[in-house]
Amino acid sequence: MPDPVNLERDGSIATVVLNNPEKLNALSFAMWMALGEIMRELEADDSLRCIVLRGAGEQAFAAGADISEFEKVRTNARVAKEYGTKIEGTMRAVAECRHPTVAMIHGVCVGGGLEIAAQCDLRICGASSRFGIPINKLGLVVGFGEMQALIDLVGRATALEILLEGRVFGAAEAQQKGLVNRVVADDQVCAETLAAAARIAAGAPLVARWHKKFARRLADPRPLTEAERGEGYACFDTEDYRIGFKAFLAKQKPQFKGK
């Protein structure tokens, strides 16, 4: 049996591949669990600067959950809660990863696939990509943890439009709704996503991690503490700051160390 999720590495960039192309990368329980485990492993890797998430092949990012498993994993409320709790753990592992994440979206990106993509920092898709969460046709709901990322990304009104209508729509509408950052020609999705990852990887890694942390914190309405405000200046004590501004003055490319 092939691995449910593959991990590839090119220097400081990791690519995580949802690997079920025969079913348009529909997410089996094994895939959900493997994705969470891999993301937690990558979280601990200080040498990493960017993670790309994609589906195997070029037909789909992921076509939702593998419905053929539902009689086992969602047979009643108790079992479904156990399944949902574990899925939300994987969602958090993607959303809370300290390294920048970019979703490379070919083709279909619906249901659980769209929910995973929504946890990423950037989403780049092809012009023929398709989006939606049509689970109202299955008689089941998006859980609180899954819905939160969608609301954070596109707002309550648009999230409800997507969920209540259950439509599958194209890339242009997805971009208009704020679901994707960039739409490119289908044959340019891989190149554009890897170029974005390379730009991220060339930047100061501590800065990228701080920006992610600050953005998450600012979504919390509680007032910032003095310690939190102070962390906004911690970069000035780093070696990377000295490397960066000296390289700028010398008109050289900085070689950041993550220190």
C-alpha atoms as a PDB file:
ATOM      1  CA  MET A   1       0.000   0.000   0.000  1.00  0.00           C
ATOM      2  CA  PRO A   2       1.347   3.490  -0.832  1.00  0.00           C
ATOM      3  CA  ASP A   3       1.928   5.930   2.005  1.00  0.00           C
ATOM      4  CA  PRO A   4      -1.231   7.983   2.681  1.00  0.00           C
ATOM      5  CA  VAL A   5       0.850  11.173   2.832  1.00  0.00           C
ATOM      6  CA  ASN A   6       4.284  11.646   1.280  1.00  0.00           C
ATOM      7  CA  LEU A   7       6.979  14.021   2.475  1.00  0.00           C
ATOM      8  CA  GLU A   8       9.516  15.505   0.073  1.00  0.00           C
ATOM      9  CA  ARG A   9      12.355  17.849   0.928  1.00  0.00           C
ATOM     10  CA  ASP A  10      14.308  20.362  -1.142  1.00  0.00           C
ATOM     11  CA  GLY A  11      16.700  22.220   1.122  1.00  0.00           C
ATOM     12  CA  SER A  12      14.725  24.341   3.571  1.00  0.00           C
ATOM     13  CA  ILE A  13      11.395  23.714   1.784  1.00  0.00           C
ATOM     14  CA  ALA A  14       9.270  20.655   2.572  1.00  0.00           C
ATOM     15  CA  THR A  15       6.420  19.433   0.360  1.00  0.00           C
ATOM     16  CA  VAL A  16       3.624  17.403   1.943  1.00  0.00           C
ATOM     17  CA  VAL A  17       1.641  15.372  -0.587  1.00  0.00           C
ATOM     18  CA  LEU A  18      -1.879  14.019   0.054  1.00  0.00           C
ATOM     19  CA  ASN A  19      -1.573  10.687  -1.718  1.00  0.00           C
ATOM     20  CA  ASN A  20      -4.818   9.121  -2.896  1.00  0.00           C
ATOM     21  CA  PRO A  21      -4.929  10.086  -6.594  1.00  0.00           C
ATOM     22  CA  GLU A  22      -7.290   7.254  -7.595  1.00  0.00           C
ATOM     23  CA  LYS A  23      -9.976   8.972  -5.498  1.00  0.00           C
ATOM     24  CA  LEU A  24      -8.948  12.567  -6.280  1.00  0.00           C
ATOM     25  CA  ASN A  25      -6.990  12.538  -3.013  1.00  0.00           C
ATOM     26  CA  ALA A  26     -10.136  11.985  -0.945  1.00  0.00           C
ATOM     27  CA  LEU A  27      -9.038  12.036   2.678  1.00  0.00           C
ATOM     28  CA  SER A  28      -9.105   8.679   4.424  1.00  0.00           C
ATOM     29  CA  PHE A  29      -8.758   8.493   8.194  1.00  0.00           C
ATOM     30  CA  ALA A  30      -5.188   7.247   7.685  1.00  0.00           C
ATOM     31  CA  MET A  31      -4.448  10.347   5.601  1.00  0.00           C
ATOM     32  CA  TRP A  32      -5.832  12.680   8.262  1.00  0.00           C
ATOM     33  CA  MET A  33      -3.690  11.006  10.936  1.00  0.00           C
ATOM     34  CA  ALA A  34      -0.540  10.920   8.789  1.00  0.00           C
ATOM     35  CA  LEU A  35      -0.941  14.587   7.859  1.00  0.00           C
ATOM     36  CA  GLY A  36      -1.163  15.599  11.513  1.00  0.00           C
ATOM     37  CA  GLU A  37       1.858  13.490  12.451  1.00  0.00           C
ATOM     38  CA  ILE A  38       3.975  14.895   9.623  1.00  0.00           C
ATOM     39  CA  MET A  39       3.000  18.491  10.371  1.00  0.00           C
ATOM     40  CA  ARG A  40       3.934  18.052  14.025  1.00  0.00           C
ATOM     41  CA  GLU A  41       7.312  16.604  12.995  1.00  0.00           C
ATOM     42  CA  LEU A  42       7.952  19.528  10.648  1.00  0.00           C
ATOM     43  CA  GLU A  43       6.928  21.985  13.353  1.00  0.00           C
ATOM     44  CA  ALA A  44       9.933  20.856  15.417  1.00  0.00           C
ATOM     45  CA  ASP A  45      12.440  21.219  12.556  1.00  0.00           C
ATOM     46  CA  ASP A  46      14.439  24.441  13.007  1.00  0.00           C
ATOM     47  CA  SER A  47      16.081  24.073   9.585  1.00  0.00           C
ATOM     48  CA  LEU A  48      12.748  24.394   7.786  1.00  0.00           C
ATOM     49  CA  ARG A  49      11.596  27.689   6.263  1.00  0.00           C
ATOM     50  CA  CYS A  50       8.448  26.833   4.296  1.00  0.00           C
ATOM     51  CA  ILE A  51       5.999  23.958   3.829  1.00  0.00           C
ATOM     52  CA  VAL A  52       4.055  23.347   0.621  1.00  0.00           C
ATOM     53  CA  LEU A  53       0.879  21.237   0.838  1.00  0.00           C
ATOM     54  CA  ARG A  54      -0.498  19.637  -2.316  1.00  0.00           C
ATOM     55  CA  GLY A  55      -2.395  16.650  -3.651  1.00  0.00           C
ATOM     56  CA  ALA A  56      -0.782  13.866  -5.655  1.00  0.00           C
ATOM     57  CA  GLY A  57      -1.068  14.437  -9.408  1.00  0.00           C
ATOM     58  CA  GLU A  58      -2.777  17.439 -10.967  1.00  0.00           C
ATOM     59  CA  GLN A  59      -6.456  16.478 -10.839  1.00  0.00           C
ATOM     60  CA  ALA A  60      -7.161  17.490  -7.248  1.00  0.00           C
ATOM     61  CA  PHE A  61      -5.810  19.007  -4.078  1.00  0.00           C
ATOM     62  CA  ALA A  62      -8.318  16.877  -2.191  1.00  0.00           C
ATOM     63  CA  ALA A  63     -11.918  15.924  -2.908  1.00  0.00           C
ATOM     64  CA  GLY A  64     -13.137  16.000   0.683  1.00  0.00           C
ATOM     65  CA  ALA A  65     -13.281  13.084   3.082  1.00  0.00           C
ATOM     66  CA  ASP A  66     -13.383   9.482   1.867  1.00  0.00           C
ATOM     67  CA  ILE A  67     -17.120   8.812   2.119  1.00  0.00           C
ATOM     68  CA  SER A  68     -16.623   5.052   1.756  1.00  0.00           C
ATOM     69  CA  GLU A  69     -15.315   5.068   5.362  1.00  0.00           C
ATOM     70  CA  PHE A  70     -18.322   6.853   6.855  1.00  0.00           C
ATOM     71  CA  GLU A  71     -20.190   3.707   7.907  1.00  0.00           C
ATOM     72  CA  LYS A  72     -17.221   2.978  10.149  1.00  0.00           C
ATOM     73  CA  VAL A  73     -15.954   6.381  11.303  1.00  0.00           C
ATOM     74  CA  ARG A  74     -19.218   8.361  11.324  1.00  0.00           C
ATOM     75  CA  THR A  75     -21.783   5.687  12.053  1.00  0.00           C
ATOM     76  CA  ASN A  76     -23.266   7.600  15.025  1.00  0.00           C
ATOM     77  CA  ALA A  77     -22.684  10.756  17.075  1.00  0.00           C
ATOM     78  CA  ARG A  78     -20.316   9.145  19.582  1.00  0.00           C
ATOM     79  CA  VAL A  79     -18.022   7.626  16.951  1.00  0.00           C
ATOM     80  CA  ALA A  80     -18.236  10.749  14.786  1.00  0.00           C
ATOM     81  CA  LYS A  81     -17.125  12.897  17.729  1.00  0.00           C
ATOM     82  CA  GLU A  82     -14.000  10.774  18.176  1.00  0.00           C
ATOM     83  CA  TYR A  83     -13.272  11.041  14.444  1.00  0.00           C
ATOM     84  CA  GLY A  84     -13.962  14.780  14.403  1.00  0.00           C
ATOM     85  CA  THR A  85     -11.748  15.434  17.424  1.00  0.00           C
ATOM     86  CA  LYS A  86      -8.813  13.749  15.709  1.00  0.00           C
ATOM     87  CA  ILE A  87      -9.448  15.627  12.454  1.00  0.00           C
ATOM     88  CA  GLU A  88      -9.516  18.927  14.325  1.00  0.00           C
ATOM     89  CA  GLY A  89      -6.163  17.985  15.857  1.00  0.00           C
ATOM     90  CA  THR A  90      -4.742  17.687  12.352  1.00  0.00           C
ATOM     91  CA  MET A  91      -6.325  20.993  11.354  1.00  0.00           C
ATOM     92  CA  ARG A  92      -4.647  22.680  14.332  1.00  0.00           C
ATOM     93  CA  ALA A  93      -1.303  21.114  13.426  1.00  0.00           C
ATOM     94  CA  VAL A  94      -1.546  22.796  10.008  1.00  0.00           C
ATOM     95  CA  ALA A  95      -2.974  26.099  11.245  1.00  0.00           C
ATOM     96  CA  GLU A  96      -0.627  26.524  14.198  1.00  0.00           C
ATOM     97  CA  CYS A  97       2.565  25.399  12.489  1.00  0.00           C
ATOM     98  CA  ARG A  98       5.199  28.052  13.135  1.00  0.00           C
ATOM     99  CA  HIS A  99       6.638  27.664   9.633  1.00  0.00           C
ATOM    100  CA  PRO A 100       4.884  29.398   6.703  1.00  0.00           C
ATOM    101  CA  THR A 101       2.585  27.111   4.718  1.00  0.00           C
ATOM    102  CA  VAL A 102       1.475  27.386   1.088  1.00  0.00           C
ATOM    103  CA  ALA A 103      -1.297  25.315  -0.503  1.00  0.00           C
ATOM    104  CA  MET A 104      -0.568  24.290  -4.105  1.00  0.00           C
ATOM    105  CA  ILE A 105      -4.049  23.704  -5.559  1.00  0.00           C
ATOM    106  CA  HIS A 106      -4.554  21.774  -8.766  1.00  0.00           C
ATOM    107  CA  GLY A 107      -8.102  20.942  -9.812  1.00  0.00           C
ATOM    108  CA  VAL A 108     -10.692  19.981  -7.197  1.00  0.00           C
ATOM    109  CA  CYS A 109     -10.439  21.476  -3.699  1.00  0.00           C
ATOM    110  CA  VAL A 110     -13.667  20.748  -1.849  1.00  0.00           C
ATOM    111  CA  GLY A 111     -14.923  19.672   1.555  1.00  0.00           C
ATOM    112  CA  GLY A 112     -12.115  18.611   3.853  1.00  0.00           C
ATOM    113  CA  GLY A 113      -9.617  19.537   1.158  1.00  0.00           C
ATOM    114  CA  LEU A 114     -10.773  23.135   1.208  1.00  0.00           C
ATOM    115  CA  GLU A 115     -10.745  23.070   5.001  1.00  0.00           C
ATOM    116  CA  ILE A 116      -7.084  22.005   4.974  1.00  0.00           C
ATOM    117  CA  ALA A 117      -6.187  24.639   2.385  1.00  0.00           C
ATOM    118  CA  ALA A 118      -7.949  27.254   4.517  1.00  0.00           C
ATOM    119  CA  GLN A 119      -5.540  26.483   7.372  1.00  0.00           C
ATOM    120  CA  CYS A 120      -2.548  27.420   5.205  1.00  0.00           C
ATOM    121  CA  ASP A 121      -1.047  30.896   5.070  1.00  0.00           C
ATOM    122  CA  LEU A 122      -1.212  31.215   1.266  1.00  0.00           C
ATOM    123  CA  ARG A 123      -3.268  29.439  -1.404  1.00  0.00           C
ATOM    124  CA  ILE A 124      -2.331  29.386  -5.092  1.00  0.00           C
ATOM    125  CA  CYS A 125      -4.562  27.639  -7.615  1.00  0.00           C
ATOM    126  CA  GLY A 126      -5.048  27.026 -11.318  1.00  0.00           C
ATOM    127  CA  ALA A 127      -7.670  28.774 -13.435  1.00  0.00           C
ATOM    128  CA  SER A 128      -9.749  25.587 -13.751  1.00  0.00           C
ATOM    129  CA  SER A 129      -9.706  24.743 -10.026  1.00  0.00           C
ATOM    130  CA  ARG A 130     -13.021  24.116  -8.315  1.00  0.00           C
ATOM    131  CA  PHE A 131     -14.007  24.915  -4.732  1.00  0.00           C
ATOM    132  CA  GLY A 132     -16.858  24.336  -2.303  1.00  0.00           C
ATOM    133  CA  ILE A 133     -18.088  22.455   0.746  1.00  0.00           C
ATOM    134  CA  PRO A 134     -21.212  20.604  -0.459  1.00  0.00           C
ATOM    135  CA  ILE A 135     -21.717  18.512   2.670  1.00  0.00           C
ATOM    136  CA  ASN A 136     -25.298  19.724   3.101  1.00  0.00           C
ATOM    137  CA  LYS A 137     -26.037  17.102   0.441  1.00  0.00           C
ATOM    138  CA  LEU A 138     -24.676  14.434   2.818  1.00  0.00           C
ATOM    139  CA  GLY A 139     -26.680  15.549   5.831  1.00  0.00           C
ATOM    140  CA  LEU A 140     -23.671  16.338   8.010  1.00  0.00           C
ATOM    141  CA  VAL A 141     -22.142  19.501   9.396  1.00  0.00           C
ATOM    142  CA  VAL A 142     -18.777  21.190   9.483  1.00  0.00           C
ATOM    143  CA  GLY A 143     -17.548  21.069  13.079  1.00  0.00           C
ATOM    144  CA  PHE A 144     -16.787  24.164  15.131  1.00  0.00           C
ATOM    145  CA  GLY A 145     -13.028  23.812  14.759  1.00  0.00           C
ATOM    146  CA  GLU A 146     -13.279  23.308  11.010  1.00  0.00           C
ATOM    147  CA  MET A 147     -15.713  26.203  10.551  1.00  0.00           C
ATOM    148  CA  GLN A 148     -13.580  28.654  12.513  1.00  0.00           C
ATOM    149  CA  ALA A 149     -10.783  28.682   9.941  1.00  0.00           C
ATOM    150  CA  LEU A 150     -13.284  29.275   7.135  1.00  0.00           C
ATOM    151  CA  ILE A 151     -14.893  32.185   8.998  1.00  0.00           C
ATOM    152  CA  ASP A 152     -11.472  33.642   9.839  1.00  0.00           C
ATOM    153  CA  LEU A 153     -10.534  33.470   6.166  1.00  0.00           C
ATOM    154  CA  VAL A 154     -13.626  34.761   4.375  1.00  0.00           C
ATOM    155  CA  GLY A 155     -15.929  36.122   7.088  1.00  0.00           C
ATOM    156  CA  ARG A 156     -19.190  34.841   8.536  1.00  0.00           C
ATOM    157  CA  ALA A 157     -21.472  35.836   5.678  1.00  0.00           C
ATOM    158  CA  THR A 158     -19.373  34.225   2.961  1.00  0.00           C
ATOM    159  CA  ALA A 159     -18.718  31.129   5.060  1.00  0.00           C
ATOM    160  CA  LEU A 160     -22.459  30.690   5.519  1.00  0.00           C
ATOM    161  CA  GLU A 161     -23.044  31.205   1.798  1.00  0.00           C
ATOM    162  CA  ILE A 162     -20.568  28.419   1.022  1.00  0.00           C
ATOM    163  CA  LEU A 163     -22.076  26.063   3.598  1.00  0.00           C
ATOM    164  CA  LEU A 164     -25.785  26.816   3.145  1.00  0.00           C
ATOM    165  CA  GLU A 165     -25.823  26.679  -0.657  1.00  0.00           C
ATOM    166  CA  GLY A 166     -23.277  23.894  -0.981  1.00  0.00           C
ATOM    167  CA  ARG A 167     -22.302  25.097  -4.469  1.00  0.00           C
ATOM    168  CA  VAL A 168     -19.080  24.116  -6.198  1.00  0.00           C
ATOM    169  CA  PHE A 169     -17.618  27.191  -7.913  1.00  0.00           C
ATOM    170  CA  GLY A 170     -14.615  28.252  -9.939  1.00  0.00           C
ATOM    171  CA  ALA A 171     -11.260  29.843  -9.229  1.00  0.00           C
ATOM    172  CA  ALA A 172     -12.278  33.403 -10.118  1.00  0.00           C
ATOM    173  CA  GLU A 173     -15.131  33.321  -7.600  1.00  0.00           C
ATOM    174  CA  ALA A 174     -12.873  31.692  -5.020  1.00  0.00           C
ATOM    175  CA  GLN A 175     -10.424  34.553  -5.376  1.00  0.00           C
ATOM    176  CA  GLN A 176     -13.217  37.117  -5.181  1.00  0.00           C
ATOM    177  CA  LYS A 177     -14.397  35.500  -1.942  1.00  0.00           C
ATOM    178  CA  GLY A 178     -10.867  35.555  -0.502  1.00  0.00           C
ATOM    179  CA  LEU A 179     -10.425  31.776  -0.513  1.00  0.00           C
ATOM    180  CA  VAL A 180      -7.285  31.953  -2.667  1.00  0.00           C
ATOM    181  CA  ASN A 181      -4.506  34.504  -2.918  1.00  0.00           C
ATOM    182  CA  ARG A 182      -3.510  33.907  -6.518  1.00  0.00           C
ATOM    183  CA  VAL A 183      -4.967  32.290  -9.645  1.00  0.00           C
ATOM    184  CA  VAL A 184      -2.557  31.299 -12.420  1.00  0.00           C
ATOM    185  CA  ALA A 185      -2.711  29.218 -15.589  1.00  0.00           C
ATOM    186  CA  ASP A 186      -3.128  25.532 -14.788  1.00  0.00           C
ATOM    187  CA  ASP A 187       0.310  24.658 -16.131  1.00  0.00           C
ATOM    188  CA  GLN A 188       1.901  27.326 -13.931  1.00  0.00           C
ATOM    189  CA  VAL A 189       0.503  26.257 -10.544  1.00  0.00           C
ATOM    190  CA  CYS A 190       3.534  24.211  -9.528  1.00  0.00           C
ATOM    191  CA  ALA A 191       6.088  26.771 -10.707  1.00  0.00           C
ATOM    192  CA  GLU A 192       4.289  29.736  -9.112  1.00  0.00           C
ATOM    193  CA  THR A 193       3.784  27.940  -5.794  1.00  0.00           C
ATOM    194  CA  LEU A 194       7.406  26.843  -5.590  1.00  0.00           C
ATOM    195  CA  ALA A 195       8.512  30.361  -6.508  1.00  0.00           C
ATOM    196  CA  ALA A 196       6.394  31.733  -3.654  1.00  0.00           C
ATOM    197  CA  ALA A 197       7.886  29.145  -1.295  1.00  0.00           C
ATOM    198  CA  ALA A 198      11.390  30.123  -2.441  1.00  0.00           C
ATOM    199  CA  ARG A 199      10.660  33.796  -1.753  1.00  0.00           C
ATOM    200  CA  ILE A 200       9.458  32.907   1.727  1.00  0.00           C
ATOM    201  CA  ALA A 201      12.474  30.667   2.335  1.00  0.00           C
ATOM    202  CA  ALA A 202      14.839  33.460   1.288  1.00  0.00           C
ATOM    203  CA  GLY A 203      13.466  35.725   4.024  1.00  0.00           C
ATOM    204  CA  ALA A 204      14.417  35.762   7.672  1.00  0.00           C
ATOM    205  CA  PRO A 205      12.805  32.642   9.196  1.00  0.00           C
ATOM    206  CA  LEU A 206      12.395  34.098  12.680  1.00  0.00           C
ATOM    207  CA  VAL A 207      10.553  37.076  11.192  1.00  0.00           C
ATOM    208  CA  ALA A 208       8.160  34.783   9.304  1.00  0.00           C
ATOM    209  CA  ARG A 209       7.449  32.830  12.493  1.00  0.00           C
ATOM    210  CA  TRP A 210       6.880  36.015  14.484  1.00  0.00           C
ATOM    211  CA  HIS A 211       4.536  37.406  11.849  1.00  0.00           C
ATOM    212  CA  LYS A 212       2.471  34.204  11.953  1.00  0.00           C
ATOM    213  CA  LYS A 213       2.380  34.312  15.746  1.00  0.00           C
ATOM    214  CA  PHE A 214       1.393  37.990  15.813  1.00  0.00           C
ATOM    215  CA  ALA A 215      -1.357  37.509  13.231  1.00  0.00           C
ATOM    216  CA  ARG A 216      -2.889  34.685  15.284  1.00  0.00           C
ATOM    217  CA  ARG A 217      -2.681  36.756  18.456  1.00  0.00           C
ATOM    218  CA  LEU A 218      -4.308  39.785  16.844  1.00  0.00           C
ATOM    219  CA  ALA A 219      -7.331  37.628  15.985  1.00  0.00           C
ATOM    220  CA  ASP A 220      -7.899  37.395  19.755  1.00  0.00           C
ATOM    221  CA  PRO A 221      -9.842  40.444  21.031  1.00  0.00           C
ATOM    222  CA  ARG A 222      -8.056  40.506  24.380  1.00  0.00           C
ATOM    223  CA  PRO A 223      -5.756  43.530  24.835  1.00  0.00           C
ATOM    224  CA  LEU A 224      -2.079  42.868  24.263  1.00  0.00           C
ATOM    225  CA  THR A 225       0.065  42.575  27.365  1.00  0.00           C
ATOM    226  CA  GLU A 226       3.233  44.614  27.776  1.00  0.00           C
ATOM    227  CA  ALA A 227       5.260  41.417  27.347  1.00  0.00           C
ATOM    228  CA  GLU A 228       3.500  40.725  24.058  1.00  0.00           C
ATOM    229  CA  ARG A 229       4.112  44.248  22.825  1.00  0.00           C
ATOM    230  CA  GLY A 230       7.746  43.885  23.825  1.00  0.00           C
ATOM    231  CA  GLU A 231       8.097  40.760  21.712  1.00  0.00           C
ATOM    232  CA  GLY A 232       7.454  42.961  18.680  1.00  0.00           C
ATOM    233  CA  TYR A 233      10.950  44.384  19.205  1.00  0.00           C
ATOM    234  CA  ALA A 234      12.787  41.134  19.951  1.00  0.00           C
ATOM    235  CA  CYS A 235      13.935  40.885  16.320  1.00  0.00           C
ATOM    236  CA  PHE A 236      16.408  43.732  16.923  1.00  0.00           C
ATOM    237  CA  ASP A 237      18.436  41.459  19.206  1.00  0.00           C
ATOM    238  CA  THR A 238      18.799  38.713  16.599  1.00  0.00           C
ATOM    239  CA  GLU A 239      21.775  37.867  14.432  1.00  0.00           C
ATOM    240  CA  ASP A 240      19.444  37.781  11.428  1.00  0.00           C
ATOM    241  CA  TYR A 241      18.596  41.469  11.918  1.00  0.00           C
ATOM    242  CA  ARG A 242      22.275  42.389  11.790  1.00  0.00           C
ATOM    243  CA  ILE A 243      22.786  40.161   8.740  1.00  0.00           C
ATOM    244  CA  GLY A 244      19.760  41.657   6.994  1.00  0.00           C
ATOM    245  CA  PHE A 245      20.445  45.356   7.330  1.00  0.00           C
ATOM    246  CA  LYS A 246      24.184  44.959   6.659  1.00  0.00           C
ATOM    247  CA  ALA A 247      23.416  42.980   3.489  1.00  0.00           C
ATOM    248  CA  PHE A 248      20.950  45.674   2.405  1.00  0.00           C
ATOM    249  CA  LEU A 249      23.526  48.438   2.861  1.00  0.00           C
ATOM    250  CA  ALA A 250      26.106  46.383   0.979  1.00  0.00           C
ATOM    251  CA  LYS A 251      23.597  45.585  -1.788  1.00  0.00           C
ATOM    252  CA  GLN A 252      24.085  41.869  -1.156  1.00  0.00           C
ATOM    253  CA  LYS A 253      21.681  38.976  -0.723  1.00  0.00           C
ATOM    254  CA  PRO A 254      21.330  38.176   3.002  1.00  0.00           C
ATOM    255  CA  GLN A 255      22.176  34.681   4.213  1.00  0.00           C
ATOM    256  CA  PHE A 256      19.935  34.328   7.231  1.00  0.00           C
ATOM    257  CA  LYS A 257      20.750  31.792   9.953  1.00  0.00           C
ATOM    258  CA  GLY A 258      17.518  31.741  11.947  1.00  0.00           C
ATOM    259  CA  LYS A 259      19.320  33.082  15.017  1.00  0.00           C
END
